């Protein structure tokens, strides 16, 4: 949950940006089911931006940990493993969306 002051932090901005990207991916999924062409470009843009945000999130995690001196401590490594596994699982839908849309565009 984002509090009123947390939106101005890097983590809050990443959370809001990721929510907007997920909305674009949802629009693209519905558009693929109803065969609307404009949603393909929205979905491809949103999926590509998701991977940009994933890279920013990884950099933020590593930089925040190294600046605080927590990078190689036991609890931080466990949190890192959970964080990266969530990024991998969350990357499945954008990757599949890109695969399906690019596969369909190469067929025509």
N, C-alpha and C. Protein backbone atom coordinates (compact mmCIF):
# COMPACT_ATOMS: atom_id res chain seq x y z
N UNK A 1 0.85 -1.18 0.00
CA UNK A 1 0.00 0.00 0.00
C UNK A 1 0.88 1.24 0.00
N UNK A 2 0.54 2.19 -0.80
CA UNK A 2 1.31 3.41 -0.92
C UNK A 2 0.67 4.48 -0.07
N UNK A 3 1.44 5.06 0.85
CA UNK A 3 0.93 6.16 1.64
C UNK A 3 1.07 7.45 0.84
N UNK A 4 0.54 8.54 1.39
CA UNK A 4 0.53 9.79 0.62
C UNK A 4 1.94 10.33 0.36
N UNK A 5 2.87 10.17 1.27
CA UNK A 5 4.22 10.67 1.05
C UNK A 5 5.13 9.71 0.32
N UNK A 6 4.76 8.43 0.27
CA UNK A 6 5.62 7.43 -0.34
C UNK A 6 5.60 7.46 -1.85
N UNK A 7 4.64 8.14 -2.43
CA UNK A 7 4.56 8.18 -3.90
C UNK A 7 5.72 8.98 -4.49
N UNK A 8 6.33 9.86 -3.70
CA UNK A 8 7.41 10.68 -4.18
C UNK A 8 8.78 10.02 -4.02
N UNK A 9 8.82 8.78 -3.57
CA UNK A 9 10.07 8.04 -3.49
C UNK A 9 10.26 7.25 -4.78
N UNK A 10 11.44 6.70 -4.95
CA UNK A 10 11.71 5.89 -6.15
C UNK A 10 10.83 4.65 -6.17
N UNK A 11 10.69 4.00 -5.03
CA UNK A 11 9.84 2.81 -4.95
C UNK A 11 8.38 3.12 -5.24
N UNK A 12 7.90 4.27 -4.75
CA UNK A 12 6.52 4.66 -5.02
C UNK A 12 6.30 4.97 -6.48
N UNK A 13 7.25 5.65 -7.10
CA UNK A 13 7.15 5.96 -8.52
C UNK A 13 7.18 4.68 -9.36
N UNK A 14 8.03 3.73 -8.97
CA UNK A 14 8.07 2.44 -9.68
C UNK A 14 6.74 1.70 -9.55
N UNK A 15 6.14 1.76 -8.36
CA UNK A 15 4.88 1.08 -8.14
C UNK A 15 3.76 1.69 -8.99
N UNK A 16 3.69 3.01 -9.04
CA UNK A 16 2.66 3.68 -9.84
C UNK A 16 2.90 3.41 -11.33
N UNK A 17 4.16 3.49 -11.79
CA UNK A 17 4.47 3.20 -13.18
C UNK A 17 4.14 1.77 -13.56
N UNK A 18 4.45 0.84 -12.67
CA UNK A 18 4.16 -0.56 -12.94
C UNK A 18 2.65 -0.80 -13.01
N UNK A 19 1.88 -0.10 -12.19
CA UNK A 19 0.42 -0.23 -12.25
C UNK A 19 -0.13 0.27 -13.58
N UNK A 20 0.40 1.37 -14.09
CA UNK A 20 -0.04 1.87 -15.40
C UNK A 20 0.35 0.92 -16.52
N UNK A 21 1.53 0.34 -16.42
CA UNK A 21 1.97 -0.62 -17.43
C UNK A 21 1.09 -1.86 -17.41
N UNK A 22 0.75 -2.34 -16.22
CA UNK A 22 -0.12 -3.51 -16.13
C UNK A 22 -1.50 -3.23 -16.69
N UNK A 23 -1.98 -2.00 -16.56
CA UNK A 23 -3.24 -1.62 -17.17
C UNK A 23 -3.14 -1.67 -18.70
N UNK A 24 -2.01 -1.22 -19.25
CA UNK A 24 -1.80 -1.31 -20.70
C UNK A 24 -1.74 -2.75 -21.19
N UNK A 25 -1.14 -3.62 -20.39
CA UNK A 25 -1.07 -5.04 -20.76
C UNK A 25 -2.46 -5.66 -20.70
N UNK A 26 -3.28 -5.27 -19.73
CA UNK A 26 -4.64 -5.76 -19.65
C UNK A 26 -5.46 -5.31 -20.86
N UNK A 27 -5.31 -4.05 -21.25
CA UNK A 27 -6.01 -3.53 -22.44
C UNK A 27 -5.58 -4.33 -23.68
N UNK A 28 -4.30 -4.63 -23.78
CA UNK A 28 -3.82 -5.39 -24.94
C UNK A 28 -4.38 -6.81 -24.95
N UNK A 29 -4.46 -7.43 -23.78
CA UNK A 29 -5.01 -8.78 -23.72
C UNK A 29 -6.47 -8.83 -24.13
N UNK A 30 -7.24 -7.87 -23.65
CA UNK A 30 -8.65 -7.79 -24.05
C UNK A 30 -8.76 -7.48 -25.54
N UNK A 31 -7.89 -6.59 -26.02
CA UNK A 31 -7.90 -6.25 -27.44
C UNK A 31 -7.53 -7.41 -28.35
N UNK A 32 -6.62 -8.27 -27.88
CA UNK A 32 -6.28 -9.45 -28.66
C UNK A 32 -7.45 -10.41 -28.74
N UNK A 33 -8.20 -10.52 -27.65
CA UNK A 33 -9.37 -11.40 -27.67
C UNK A 33 -10.48 -10.86 -28.57
N UNK A 34 -10.64 -9.55 -28.62
CA UNK A 34 -11.68 -8.95 -29.46
C UNK A 34 -11.16 -8.54 -30.82
N UNK A 35 -9.90 -8.80 -31.11
CA UNK A 35 -9.24 -8.54 -32.39
C UNK A 35 -9.29 -7.07 -32.79
N UNK A 36 -8.86 -6.22 -31.88
CA UNK A 36 -8.74 -4.80 -32.18
C UNK A 36 -7.27 -4.48 -32.37
N UNK A 37 -6.96 -3.91 -33.50
CA UNK A 37 -5.56 -3.70 -33.90
C UNK A 37 -4.81 -2.69 -33.05
N UNK A 38 -5.46 -1.62 -32.61
CA UNK A 38 -4.76 -0.56 -31.88
C UNK A 38 -4.23 -1.05 -30.55
N UNK A 39 -4.86 -2.09 -29.99
CA UNK A 39 -4.39 -2.59 -28.70
C UNK A 39 -3.07 -3.33 -28.81
N UNK A 40 -2.73 -3.80 -29.99
CA UNK A 40 -1.46 -4.50 -30.16
C UNK A 40 -0.29 -3.54 -29.92
N UNK A 41 -0.37 -2.35 -30.47
CA UNK A 41 0.71 -1.39 -30.25
C UNK A 41 0.76 -0.92 -28.80
N UNK A 42 -0.42 -0.78 -28.18
CA UNK A 42 -0.45 -0.41 -26.75
C UNK A 42 0.19 -1.52 -25.93
N UNK A 43 -0.14 -2.75 -26.23
CA UNK A 43 0.41 -3.88 -25.48
C UNK A 43 1.90 -4.06 -25.68
N UNK A 44 2.37 -3.89 -26.90
CA UNK A 44 3.80 -4.02 -27.15
C UNK A 44 4.58 -2.93 -26.42
N UNK A 45 4.07 -1.72 -26.43
CA UNK A 45 4.72 -0.62 -25.73
C UNK A 45 4.72 -0.87 -24.22
N UNK A 46 3.59 -1.31 -23.69
CA UNK A 46 3.49 -1.57 -22.25
C UNK A 46 4.40 -2.73 -21.83
N UNK A 47 4.46 -3.77 -22.64
CA UNK A 47 5.31 -4.91 -22.29
C UNK A 47 6.79 -4.53 -22.33
N UNK A 48 7.17 -3.74 -23.32
CA UNK A 48 8.57 -3.28 -23.38
C UNK A 48 8.90 -2.38 -22.19
N UNK A 49 7.97 -1.51 -21.84
CA UNK A 49 8.18 -0.63 -20.69
C UNK A 49 8.24 -1.41 -19.38
N UNK A 50 7.53 -2.55 -19.31
CA UNK A 50 7.61 -3.38 -18.11
C UNK A 50 9.05 -3.85 -17.89
N UNK A 51 9.70 -4.27 -18.97
CA UNK A 51 11.07 -4.75 -18.81
C UNK A 51 12.03 -3.62 -18.47
N UNK A 52 11.75 -2.42 -18.94
CA UNK A 52 12.56 -1.26 -18.53
C UNK A 52 12.37 -1.01 -17.03
N UNK A 53 11.12 -1.06 -16.56
CA UNK A 53 10.87 -0.87 -15.14
C UNK A 53 11.47 -2.00 -14.32
N UNK A 54 11.50 -3.22 -14.85
CA UNK A 54 12.14 -4.32 -14.13
C UNK A 54 13.64 -4.07 -13.96
N UNK A 55 14.29 -3.56 -14.99
CA UNK A 55 15.71 -3.23 -14.88
C UNK A 55 15.95 -2.10 -13.88
N UNK A 56 15.08 -1.10 -13.89
CA UNK A 56 15.20 -0.01 -12.92
C UNK A 56 14.98 -0.53 -11.51
N UNK A 57 14.04 -1.44 -11.34
CA UNK A 57 13.78 -2.02 -10.03
C UNK A 57 14.98 -2.82 -9.52
N UNK A 58 15.62 -3.57 -10.41
CA UNK A 58 16.81 -4.32 -10.02
C UNK A 58 17.93 -3.37 -9.62
N UNK A 59 18.14 -2.33 -10.42
CA UNK A 59 19.18 -1.35 -10.10
C UNK A 59 18.88 -0.65 -8.78
N UNK A 60 17.63 -0.30 -8.55
CA UNK A 60 17.25 0.34 -7.29
C UNK A 60 17.51 -0.58 -6.11
N UNK A 61 17.18 -1.85 -6.24
CA UNK A 61 17.39 -2.82 -5.17
C UNK A 61 18.87 -2.96 -4.85
N UNK A 62 19.70 -3.09 -5.88
CA UNK A 62 21.14 -3.29 -5.66
C UNK A 62 21.78 -2.02 -5.11
N UNK A 63 21.43 -0.87 -5.68
CA UNK A 63 22.03 0.38 -5.21
C UNK A 63 21.60 0.72 -3.79
N UNK A 64 20.33 0.50 -3.47
CA UNK A 64 19.86 0.77 -2.11
C UNK A 64 20.54 -0.15 -1.11
N UNK A 65 20.73 -1.40 -1.48
CA UNK A 65 21.40 -2.34 -0.59
C UNK A 65 22.87 -2.04 -0.41
N UNK A 66 23.52 -1.63 -1.47
CA UNK A 66 24.96 -1.35 -1.35
C UNK A 66 25.22 -0.05 -0.60
N UNK A 67 24.33 0.93 -0.76
CA UNK A 67 24.52 2.20 -0.05
C UNK A 67 24.27 2.05 1.44
N UNK A 68 23.38 1.15 1.81
CA UNK A 68 23.08 0.93 3.22
C UNK A 68 24.02 -0.10 3.85
N UNK A 69 24.81 -0.78 3.05
CA UNK A 69 25.72 -1.78 3.58
C UNK A 69 25.06 -3.12 3.86
N UNK A 70 23.87 -3.35 3.30
CA UNK A 70 23.13 -4.58 3.56
C UNK A 70 23.28 -5.63 2.47
N UNK A 71 24.02 -5.33 1.43
CA UNK A 71 23.96 -6.14 0.22
C UNK A 71 24.28 -7.60 0.46
N UNK A 72 25.23 -7.92 1.33
CA UNK A 72 25.63 -9.31 1.51
C UNK A 72 25.24 -9.86 2.87
N UNK A 73 24.26 -9.29 3.51
CA UNK A 73 23.77 -9.83 4.78
C UNK A 73 22.69 -10.85 4.50
N UNK A 74 22.51 -11.78 5.43
CA UNK A 74 21.63 -12.94 5.23
C UNK A 74 20.19 -12.54 4.92
N UNK A 75 19.60 -11.67 5.71
CA UNK A 75 18.19 -11.29 5.48
C UNK A 75 18.01 -10.54 4.17
N UNK A 76 18.98 -9.74 3.81
CA UNK A 76 18.89 -9.00 2.55
C UNK A 76 18.99 -9.93 1.35
N UNK A 77 19.80 -10.98 1.47
CA UNK A 77 19.91 -11.96 0.38
C UNK A 77 18.61 -12.75 0.21
N UNK A 78 17.97 -13.08 1.32
CA UNK A 78 16.68 -13.78 1.25
C UNK A 78 15.64 -12.86 0.61
N UNK A 79 15.61 -11.60 1.05
CA UNK A 79 14.68 -10.64 0.45
C UNK A 79 14.99 -10.46 -1.03
N UNK A 80 16.26 -10.46 -1.41
CA UNK A 80 16.65 -10.33 -2.81
C UNK A 80 16.17 -11.51 -3.64
N UNK A 81 16.29 -12.71 -3.07
CA UNK A 81 15.82 -13.90 -3.79
C UNK A 81 14.31 -13.84 -4.02
N UNK A 82 13.58 -13.37 -3.01
CA UNK A 82 12.13 -13.23 -3.16
C UNK A 82 11.80 -12.15 -4.19
N UNK A 83 12.52 -11.03 -4.13
CA UNK A 83 12.29 -9.91 -5.05
C UNK A 83 12.54 -10.34 -6.50
N UNK A 84 13.65 -11.03 -6.74
CA UNK A 84 13.98 -11.43 -8.11
C UNK A 84 13.06 -12.54 -8.62
N UNK A 85 12.63 -13.43 -7.73
CA UNK A 85 11.70 -14.47 -8.18
C UNK A 85 10.34 -13.86 -8.54
N UNK A 86 9.91 -12.83 -7.81
CA UNK A 86 8.67 -12.15 -8.16
C UNK A 86 8.81 -11.43 -9.50
N UNK A 87 9.97 -10.83 -9.76
CA UNK A 87 10.19 -10.18 -11.05
C UNK A 87 10.15 -11.18 -12.19
N UNK A 88 10.71 -12.35 -11.98
CA UNK A 88 10.71 -13.38 -13.02
C UNK A 88 9.29 -13.87 -13.30
N UNK A 89 8.53 -14.14 -12.26
CA UNK A 89 7.15 -14.60 -12.44
C UNK A 89 6.30 -13.52 -13.09
N UNK A 90 6.48 -12.27 -12.67
CA UNK A 90 5.70 -11.17 -13.25
C UNK A 90 6.10 -10.87 -14.69
N UNK A 91 7.26 -11.33 -15.13
CA UNK A 91 7.71 -11.08 -16.50
C UNK A 91 7.14 -12.07 -17.50
N UNK A 92 6.45 -13.08 -17.04
CA UNK A 92 5.91 -14.10 -17.94
C UNK A 92 4.83 -13.51 -18.86
N UNK A 93 3.90 -12.77 -18.30
CA UNK A 93 2.79 -12.22 -19.10
C UNK A 93 3.28 -11.22 -20.15
N UNK A 94 4.14 -10.24 -19.80
CA UNK A 94 4.62 -9.34 -20.85
C UNK A 94 5.42 -10.07 -21.93
N UNK A 95 6.21 -11.08 -21.54
CA UNK A 95 6.98 -11.83 -22.52
C UNK A 95 6.07 -12.60 -23.45
N UNK A 96 5.02 -13.22 -22.91
CA UNK A 96 4.07 -13.94 -23.76
C UNK A 96 3.31 -13.00 -24.68
N UNK A 97 2.97 -11.82 -24.16
CA UNK A 97 2.27 -10.84 -25.00
C UNK A 97 3.15 -10.40 -26.16
N UNK A 98 4.41 -10.12 -25.89
CA UNK A 98 5.32 -9.75 -26.97
C UNK A 98 5.49 -10.89 -27.97
N UNK A 99 5.60 -12.11 -27.46
CA UNK A 99 5.76 -13.27 -28.35
C UNK A 99 4.54 -13.44 -29.26
N UNK A 100 3.35 -13.37 -28.69
CA UNK A 100 2.14 -13.57 -29.47
C UNK A 100 1.96 -12.46 -30.50
N UNK A 101 2.18 -11.22 -30.10
CA UNK A 101 1.95 -10.11 -31.04
C UNK A 101 3.00 -10.09 -32.14
N UNK A 102 4.25 -10.38 -31.83
CA UNK A 102 5.27 -10.40 -32.87
C UNK A 102 5.11 -11.63 -33.77
N UNK A 103 4.66 -12.74 -33.24
CA UNK A 103 4.42 -13.93 -34.05
C UNK A 103 3.29 -13.67 -35.03
N UNK A 104 2.23 -13.02 -34.56
CA UNK A 104 1.10 -12.71 -35.43
C UNK A 104 1.48 -11.69 -36.50
N UNK A 105 2.32 -10.72 -36.17
CA UNK A 105 2.71 -9.72 -37.16
C UNK A 105 3.65 -10.30 -38.21
N UNK A 106 4.41 -11.33 -37.88
CA UNK A 106 5.30 -11.97 -38.86
C UNK A 106 4.54 -12.90 -39.79
N UNK A 107 3.38 -13.37 -39.39
CA UNK A 107 2.58 -14.25 -40.24
C UNK A 107 1.92 -13.49 -41.38
N UNK A 108 1.61 -12.21 -41.15
CA UNK A 108 0.90 -11.47 -42.19
C UNK A 108 1.86 -10.74 -43.09
